[in-house]
Amino acid sequence: MHIGLADSICTQSLNQMASPKSLACSLIALCFAANLVSAQLSANFYDKSCPNALSTIRTAVRSAITKENRMGASLLRLHFHDCFVKGCDGSVLLDDTPTFTGEKTAAPNNNSLRGFDVIDNIKAQIEGICPQVVSCADILAVAARDSVVALGGPTWVVQLGRRDSTTASLDAANNDIPAPTLDLGDLNKSFSNKGLSATDMIALSGAHTIGQARCVNFRNRIYSETNIDSSLATSLKSNCPNTTGDNNISPLDASTPYVFDNFYYKNLLKKKGVLHSDQQLFNGGSADSQTTTYSSNMATFFTDFSAAMVKMSNITPLTGSSGQIRKNCRKVN
């Protein structure tokens, strides 16, 4: 995990610990090990082993978004759903095998996650120039950053050197990815479980300034909730009938659906959050102030989003001799 992320988790755990010294020492050792793992990530990891890796990813991402403007949001979401399930290890890309069920059919992912073909294409290109050097997990992390930049958003330095998992977890995908129905307290808890703060959660939610949502994930909001702009509800109902059309999609930010900006937060101030979890960020609670700031100051949002992406991208990576570098992102070597 990221050094700062590891430190914050370890410090919190030690402060809360009321147990024997031996247990405290064990925790200190684990925290030290976590920091050592993080230290193995670096921005220039492929400078010598595959110097054209980053430019290859960037070109492929831009090409994919040019062909389909939704793809930027899809690639960003792939990375998020990877990192929230046992860390950023490329497990979300694995197909089912006789020995384990992958994460693609988990409730948050099934008929929803997209972009696997783009990652396959990038991996094939990189394997052609640097066989078994660049991990699928790193490709996801870089593609997420490049997608945001391509759509007008901020950039950040991606730490590299992750390795790929050799298994996946359907149960963890079902349990750890925050649902669109969560209230603010549960959102904070879900992110806190991954070492991310409330500030990180609000900033990362701004990724919904791009992308689409399925009718099944906002039907209850538009038909049953009252803290929603009536014109938005009417508009969404036209594409999301009360009993059919589960997979019909609508933009999370109808104002500028393919531009990475702060209109997501502007919409929340007008009760135009599409998902229940979106509107929780401006609903009379502790997130209101930060949401208001982001709605009027895009630079602050960009700064916080970039910092939160760095933290999220560094959740418990596999490094050193752990895991492997897959030849094909869909299957273990």
Protein backbone atom coordinates (compact mmCIF):
# COMPACT_ATOMS: atom_id res chain seq x y z
CA MET A 1 0.00 0.00 0.00
CA HIS A 2 1.00 3.61 -0.34
CA ILE A 3 3.44 4.77 2.36
CA GLY A 4 1.15 7.51 3.59
CA LEU A 5 -1.82 5.16 3.42
CA ALA A 6 0.03 2.48 5.34
CA ASP A 7 1.15 4.98 7.96
CA SER A 8 -2.36 6.30 8.50
CA ILE A 9 -3.85 2.83 8.92
CA CYS A 10 -1.04 1.65 11.20
CA THR A 11 -1.08 4.75 13.38
CA GLN A 12 -4.84 4.51 13.80
CA SER A 13 -4.62 0.82 14.68
CA LEU A 14 -1.82 1.34 17.19
CA ASN A 15 -3.59 4.22 18.86
CA GLN A 16 -6.72 2.15 19.26
CA MET A 17 -4.88 -0.91 20.50
CA ALA A 18 -5.31 -1.91 24.11
CA SER A 19 -3.47 -5.23 23.93
CA PRO A 20 -0.17 -6.74 25.09
CA LYS A 21 3.14 -5.35 23.91
CA SER A 22 3.83 -8.43 21.82
CA LEU A 23 0.73 -7.82 19.73
CA ALA A 24 1.65 -4.17 19.34
CA CYS A 25 5.13 -5.17 18.18
CA SER A 26 3.62 -7.56 15.66
CA LEU A 27 1.46 -4.80 14.26
CA ILE A 28 4.48 -2.49 14.03
CA ALA A 29 6.32 -5.17 12.06
CA LEU A 30 3.38 -5.58 9.70
CA CYS A 31 3.14 -1.84 9.18
CA PHE A 32 6.87 -1.65 8.48
CA ALA A 33 6.50 -4.44 5.93
CA ALA A 34 3.60 -2.61 4.28
CA ASN A 35 5.73 0.49 3.91
CA LEU A 36 8.57 -1.57 2.41
CA VAL A 37 6.17 -3.03 -0.15
CA SER A 38 5.02 0.47 -1.08
CA ALA A 39 8.58 1.67 -1.42
CA GLN A 40 9.05 -0.80 -4.28
CA LEU A 41 6.69 1.25 -6.47
CA SER A 42 8.26 4.07 -8.46
CA ALA A 43 7.26 6.45 -11.24
CA ASN A 44 10.21 5.38 -13.41
CA PHE A 45 9.81 1.63 -12.92
CA TYR A 46 9.70 0.90 -16.68
CA ASP A 47 12.12 3.58 -17.87
CA LYS A 48 14.76 0.99 -18.77
CA SER A 49 12.80 -2.25 -19.07
CA CYS A 50 10.03 -0.87 -21.31
CA PRO A 51 10.60 2.82 -22.13
CA ASN A 52 7.67 3.02 -24.57
CA ALA A 53 5.11 1.50 -22.20
CA LEU A 54 3.48 4.72 -21.03
CA SER A 55 3.30 6.31 -24.46
CA THR A 56 1.79 3.10 -25.86
CA ILE A 57 -0.92 3.12 -23.19
CA ARG A 58 -1.64 6.82 -23.69
CA THR A 59 -2.01 6.49 -27.46
CA ALA A 60 -4.28 3.45 -27.15
CA VAL A 61 -6.49 5.13 -24.54
CA ARG A 62 -6.91 8.26 -26.63
CA SER A 63 -7.73 6.16 -29.67
CA ALA A 64 -10.34 4.17 -27.76
CA ILE A 65 -11.99 7.33 -26.42
CA THR A 66 -12.02 8.88 -29.89
CA LYS A 67 -13.87 5.82 -31.16
CA GLU A 68 -16.29 5.79 -28.22
CA ASN A 69 -16.45 8.73 -25.83
CA ARG A 70 -17.90 6.55 -23.04
CA MET A 71 -14.72 4.51 -22.87
CA GLY A 72 -12.81 6.97 -20.66
CA ALA A 73 -15.28 6.54 -17.83
CA SER A 74 -15.31 2.77 -18.35
CA LEU A 75 -11.52 2.49 -18.00
CA LEU A 76 -11.51 4.69 -14.90
CA ARG A 77 -14.22 2.52 -13.35
CA LEU A 78 -12.30 -0.67 -14.14
CA HIS A 79 -9.36 0.60 -12.10
CA PHE A 80 -11.61 1.62 -9.19
CA HIS A 81 -13.32 -1.77 -9.11
CA ASP A 82 -9.94 -3.48 -9.26
CA CYS A 83 -8.43 -1.53 -6.37
CA PHE A 84 -11.41 -1.94 -4.04
CA VAL A 85 -11.18 -5.74 -4.21
CA LYS A 86 -8.04 -6.89 -2.39
CA GLY A 87 -5.96 -4.06 -3.84
CA CYS A 88 -4.84 -2.91 -7.28
CA ASP A 89 -3.71 -6.27 -8.65
CA GLY A 90 -5.57 -6.73 -11.93
CA SER A 91 -7.87 -9.37 -10.44
CA VAL A 92 -10.93 -7.73 -12.01
CA LEU A 93 -9.62 -8.70 -15.46
CA LEU A 94 -9.50 -12.46 -14.83
CA ASP A 95 -12.05 -14.73 -16.47
CA ASP A 96 -13.62 -17.61 -14.54
CA THR A 97 -11.60 -20.81 -14.26
CA PRO A 98 -12.35 -24.32 -12.95
CA THR A 99 -10.66 -23.35 -9.66
CA PHE A 100 -12.17 -19.90 -9.00
CA THR A 101 -14.99 -17.64 -10.09
CA GLY A 102 -13.76 -14.27 -11.25
CA GLU A 103 -15.10 -10.85 -10.33
CA LYS A 104 -16.76 -10.01 -13.64
CA THR A 105 -20.07 -11.59 -12.63
CA ALA A 106 -20.22 -9.91 -9.21
CA ALA A 107 -23.32 -7.77 -8.73
CA PRO A 108 -21.49 -4.41 -9.09
CA ASN A 109 -19.75 -5.62 -12.27
CA ASN A 110 -22.08 -7.94 -14.16
CA ASN A 111 -23.42 -6.44 -17.40
CA SER A 112 -21.82 -3.20 -16.27
CA LEU A 113 -18.01 -3.19 -16.38
CA ARG A 114 -16.62 -2.36 -19.80
CA GLY A 115 -13.29 -1.78 -21.48
CA PHE A 116 -11.81 -5.26 -21.19
CA ASP A 117 -11.16 -5.32 -24.93
CA VAL A 118 -9.25 -2.03 -24.72
CA ILE A 119 -7.03 -3.42 -21.96
CA ASP A 120 -6.51 -6.58 -24.03
CA ASN A 121 -5.41 -4.45 -26.98
CA ILE A 122 -3.00 -2.42 -24.86
CA LYS A 123 -1.55 -5.56 -23.31
CA ALA A 124 -1.05 -7.16 -26.73
CA GLN A 125 0.77 -4.07 -28.00
CA ILE A 126 3.05 -3.93 -24.97
CA GLU A 127 3.75 -7.67 -25.05
CA GLY A 128 4.90 -7.13 -28.63
CA ILE A 129 7.63 -4.72 -27.53
CA CYS A 130 8.35 -5.82 -23.94
CA PRO A 131 7.21 -9.41 -23.29
CA GLN A 132 6.15 -10.11 -19.69
CA VAL A 133 7.46 -6.84 -18.30
CA VAL A 134 4.45 -4.57 -17.76
CA SER A 135 1.68 -5.81 -15.48
CA CYS A 136 -2.02 -5.65 -16.21
CA ALA A 137 -2.49 -3.89 -12.86
CA ASP A 138 -0.15 -1.10 -13.96
CA ILE A 139 -1.88 -0.84 -17.32
CA LEU A 140 -5.18 -0.27 -15.49
CA ALA A 141 -3.66 2.41 -13.26
CA VAL A 142 -2.09 4.30 -16.16
CA ALA A 143 -5.14 3.93 -18.42
CA ALA A 144 -7.34 5.42 -15.69
CA ARG A 145 -5.07 8.47 -15.42
CA ASP A 146 -4.81 8.88 -19.18
CA SER A 147 -8.60 8.63 -19.53
CA VAL A 148 -9.15 11.48 -17.09
CA VAL A 149 -6.56 13.63 -18.86
CA ALA A 150 -8.04 12.88 -22.29
CA LEU A 151 -11.43 14.14 -21.10
CA GLY A 152 -10.05 17.42 -19.76
CA GLY A 153 -9.29 16.40 -16.19
CA PRO A 154 -6.14 16.63 -14.06
CA THR A 155 -3.04 14.50 -14.30
CA TRP A 156 -0.99 12.83 -11.57
CA VAL A 157 2.13 10.72 -11.27
CA VAL A 158 1.30 7.01 -11.33
CA GLN A 159 3.61 4.93 -9.18
CA LEU A 160 4.48 1.72 -11.04
CA GLY A 161 5.73 -1.76 -10.27
CA ARG A 162 2.50 -3.56 -9.35
CA ARG A 163 2.31 -7.23 -10.18
CA ASP A 164 -0.74 -9.26 -11.14
CA SER A 165 -2.75 -11.53 -8.89
CA THR A 166 -3.12 -15.22 -9.63
CA THR A 167 -6.69 -15.42 -8.36
CA ALA A 168 -9.83 -13.33 -7.95
CA SER A 169 -12.58 -13.00 -5.36
CA LEU A 170 -16.24 -12.91 -6.30
CA ASP A 171 -17.23 -12.54 -2.64
CA ALA A 172 -14.93 -9.56 -2.06
CA ALA A 173 -16.23 -7.89 -5.22
CA ASN A 174 -19.80 -8.31 -3.99
CA ASN A 175 -18.98 -7.04 -0.50
CA ASP A 176 -16.29 -4.37 -0.88
CA ILE A 177 -17.35 -2.24 -3.85
CA PRO A 178 -19.60 0.54 -2.52
CA ALA A 179 -23.19 0.24 -3.72
CA PRO A 180 -25.08 3.15 -5.31
CA THR A 181 -27.71 2.84 -2.58
CA LEU A 182 -25.39 3.63 0.35
CA ASP A 183 -26.03 6.49 2.76
CA LEU A 184 -23.23 8.89 3.66
CA GLY A 185 -22.13 7.03 6.78
CA ASP A 186 -21.80 3.74 4.93
CA LEU A 187 -19.95 5.44 2.08
CA ASN A 188 -17.43 6.81 4.55
CA LYS A 189 -17.06 3.38 6.16
CA SER A 190 -16.61 1.64 2.81
CA PHE A 191 -13.78 3.99 1.84
CA SER A 192 -12.28 4.00 5.33
CA ASN A 193 -12.01 0.22 5.12
CA LYS A 194 -9.59 0.80 2.25
CA GLY A 195 -7.58 3.45 4.07
CA LEU A 196 -9.30 6.34 2.30
CA SER A 197 -10.66 9.37 4.14
CA ALA A 198 -14.02 11.12 3.86
CA THR A 199 -12.25 13.81 1.84
CA ASP A 200 -10.94 11.12 -0.53
CA MET A 201 -14.41 9.63 -0.86
CA ILE A 202 -16.03 12.94 -1.82
CA ALA A 203 -13.24 13.73 -4.28
CA LEU A 204 -13.24 10.27 -5.88
CA SER A 205 -17.02 10.42 -6.26
CA GLY A 206 -16.35 13.28 -8.66
CA ALA A 207 -15.43 10.60 -11.21
CA HIS A 208 -19.19 10.54 -11.78
CA THR A 209 -18.76 13.75 -13.74
CA ILE A 210 -18.30 11.26 -16.61
CA GLY A 211 -19.96 7.94 -17.23
CA GLN A 212 -23.40 6.38 -17.24
CA ALA A 213 -25.63 4.59 -14.77
CA ARG A 214 -28.04 1.73 -15.36
CA CYS A 215 -31.73 2.26 -14.68
CA VAL A 216 -31.77 -0.54 -12.11
CA ASN A 217 -29.34 1.48 -9.97
CA PHE A 218 -31.39 4.68 -9.83
CA ARG A 219 -34.99 3.53 -10.33
CA ASN A 220 -35.85 3.71 -6.63
CA ARG A 221 -34.39 7.21 -6.41
CA ILE A 222 -36.42 8.69 -9.26
CA TYR A 223 -39.69 7.03 -8.25
CA SER A 224 -39.50 7.09 -4.44
CA GLU A 225 -37.11 9.77 -3.16
CA THR A 226 -38.04 13.40 -2.59
CA ASN A 227 -34.62 15.09 -2.54
CA ILE A 228 -34.42 15.07 -6.33
CA ASP A 229 -35.06 17.80 -8.87
CA SER A 230 -38.47 17.10 -10.43
CA SER A 231 -37.33 17.87 -13.97
CA LEU A 232 -34.43 15.44 -13.62
CA ALA A 233 -36.72 12.74 -12.26
CA THR A 234 -39.14 13.23 -15.16
CA SER A 235 -36.33 13.08 -17.69
CA LEU A 236 -34.84 9.92 -16.19
CA LYS A 237 -38.23 8.21 -16.00
CA SER A 238 -38.57 8.49 -19.77
CA ASN A 239 -35.59 6.16 -20.10
CA CYS A 240 -36.22 4.12 -16.96
CA PRO A 241 -39.77 2.74 -16.69
CA ASN A 242 -41.02 1.59 -13.33
CA THR A 243 -40.82 -2.12 -14.08
CA THR A 244 -38.69 -2.59 -17.22
CA GLY A 245 -35.49 -1.39 -18.83
CA ASP A 246 -33.05 -2.35 -16.08
CA ASN A 247 -30.05 -1.97 -18.38
CA ASN A 248 -31.08 1.32 -19.98
CA ILE A 249 -28.37 3.89 -19.29
CA SER A 250 -28.41 7.60 -18.50
CA PRO A 251 -25.49 9.99 -17.90
CA LEU A 252 -24.45 10.63 -14.30
CA ASP A 253 -23.76 14.24 -15.31
CA ALA A 254 -26.18 15.29 -18.04
CA SER A 255 -24.64 18.77 -18.25
CA THR A 256 -21.23 17.72 -19.60
CA PRO A 257 -21.26 13.90 -19.73
CA TYR A 258 -17.98 13.52 -21.61
CA VAL A 259 -15.96 16.27 -19.97
CA PHE A 260 -14.10 15.76 -16.71
CA ASP A 261 -15.07 18.88 -14.76
CA ASN A 262 -16.88 19.90 -11.57
CA PHE A 263 -20.44 19.91 -12.95
CA TYR A 264 -21.14 16.75 -10.96
CA TYR A 265 -20.95 18.84 -7.78
CA LYS A 266 -22.85 21.76 -9.30
CA ASN A 267 -25.64 19.31 -10.08
CA LEU A 268 -25.70 17.98 -6.52
CA LEU A 269 -26.38 21.49 -5.20
CA LYS A 270 -29.48 21.49 -7.44
CA LYS A 271 -30.60 18.04 -6.22
CA LYS A 272 -29.63 16.55 -9.56
CA GLY A 273 -27.63 13.60 -8.31
CA VAL A 274 -28.64 10.55 -10.34
CA LEU A 275 -27.68 7.91 -7.78
CA HIS A 276 -28.82 7.87 -4.17
CA SER A 277 -25.17 7.74 -3.11
CA ASP A 278 -24.41 10.80 -5.24
CA GLN A 279 -26.99 13.02 -3.59
CA GLN A 280 -25.76 11.92 -0.17
CA LEU A 281 -22.80 14.25 -0.73
CA PHE A 282 -25.16 17.22 -0.52
CA ASN A 283 -28.07 16.31 1.70
CA GLY A 284 -27.62 18.24 4.94
CA GLY A 285 -24.70 16.15 6.16
CA SER A 286 -20.99 16.40 6.81
CA ALA A 287 -20.11 16.27 3.09
CA ASP A 288 -22.04 19.42 2.18
CA SER A 289 -19.21 21.88 2.76
CA GLN A 290 -16.65 20.02 0.65
CA THR A 291 -19.20 19.44 -2.11
CA THR A 292 -20.01 23.15 -2.16
CA THR A 293 -16.31 24.00 -2.40
CA TYR A 294 -15.81 21.67 -5.34
CA SER A 295 -18.87 23.08 -7.10
CA SER A 296 -17.31 26.54 -7.19
CA ASN A 297 -13.60 25.70 -7.31
CA MET A 298 -12.64 23.16 -9.94
CA ALA A 299 -8.92 23.59 -9.22
CA THR A 300 -9.42 22.42 -5.63
CA PHE A 301 -11.43 19.45 -6.84
CA PHE A 302 -8.74 18.54 -9.36
CA THR A 303 -6.02 18.74 -6.71
CA ASP A 304 -7.94 16.59 -4.23
CA PHE A 305 -9.04 14.11 -6.89
CA SER A 306 -5.47 13.61 -8.08
CA ALA A 307 -4.21 13.05 -4.53
CA ALA A 308 -7.03 10.60 -3.81
CA MET A 309 -6.34 8.68 -7.01
CA VAL A 310 -2.70 8.26 -6.01
CA LYS A 311 -3.81 6.86 -2.64
CA MET A 312 -6.40 4.56 -4.16
CA SER A 313 -4.03 3.35 -6.87
CA ASN A 314 -1.56 2.25 -4.21
CA ILE A 315 -3.89 0.10 -2.10
CA THR A 316 -2.02 -3.12 -1.21
CA PRO A 317 -0.17 -3.75 -4.47
CA LEU A 318 1.66 -6.98 -5.16
CA THR A 319 5.35 -6.20 -5.65
CA GLY A 320 8.73 -7.91 -5.77
CA SER A 321 8.26 -11.64 -6.24
CA SER A 322 4.57 -11.67 -5.28
CA GLY A 323 2.05 -12.47 -7.99
CA GLN A 324 3.20 -12.51 -11.60
CA ILE A 325 3.29 -10.51 -14.83
CA ARG A 326 0.47 -12.02 -16.86
CA LYS A 327 0.97 -12.61 -20.56
CA ASN A 328 -2.78 -12.29 -21.06
CA CYS A 329 -4.74 -10.11 -18.66
CA ARG A 330 -7.71 -12.49 -18.74
CA LYS A 331 -5.89 -15.53 -17.41
CA VAL A 332 -3.10 -16.63 -15.12
CA ASN A 333 0.11 -17.73 -16.85
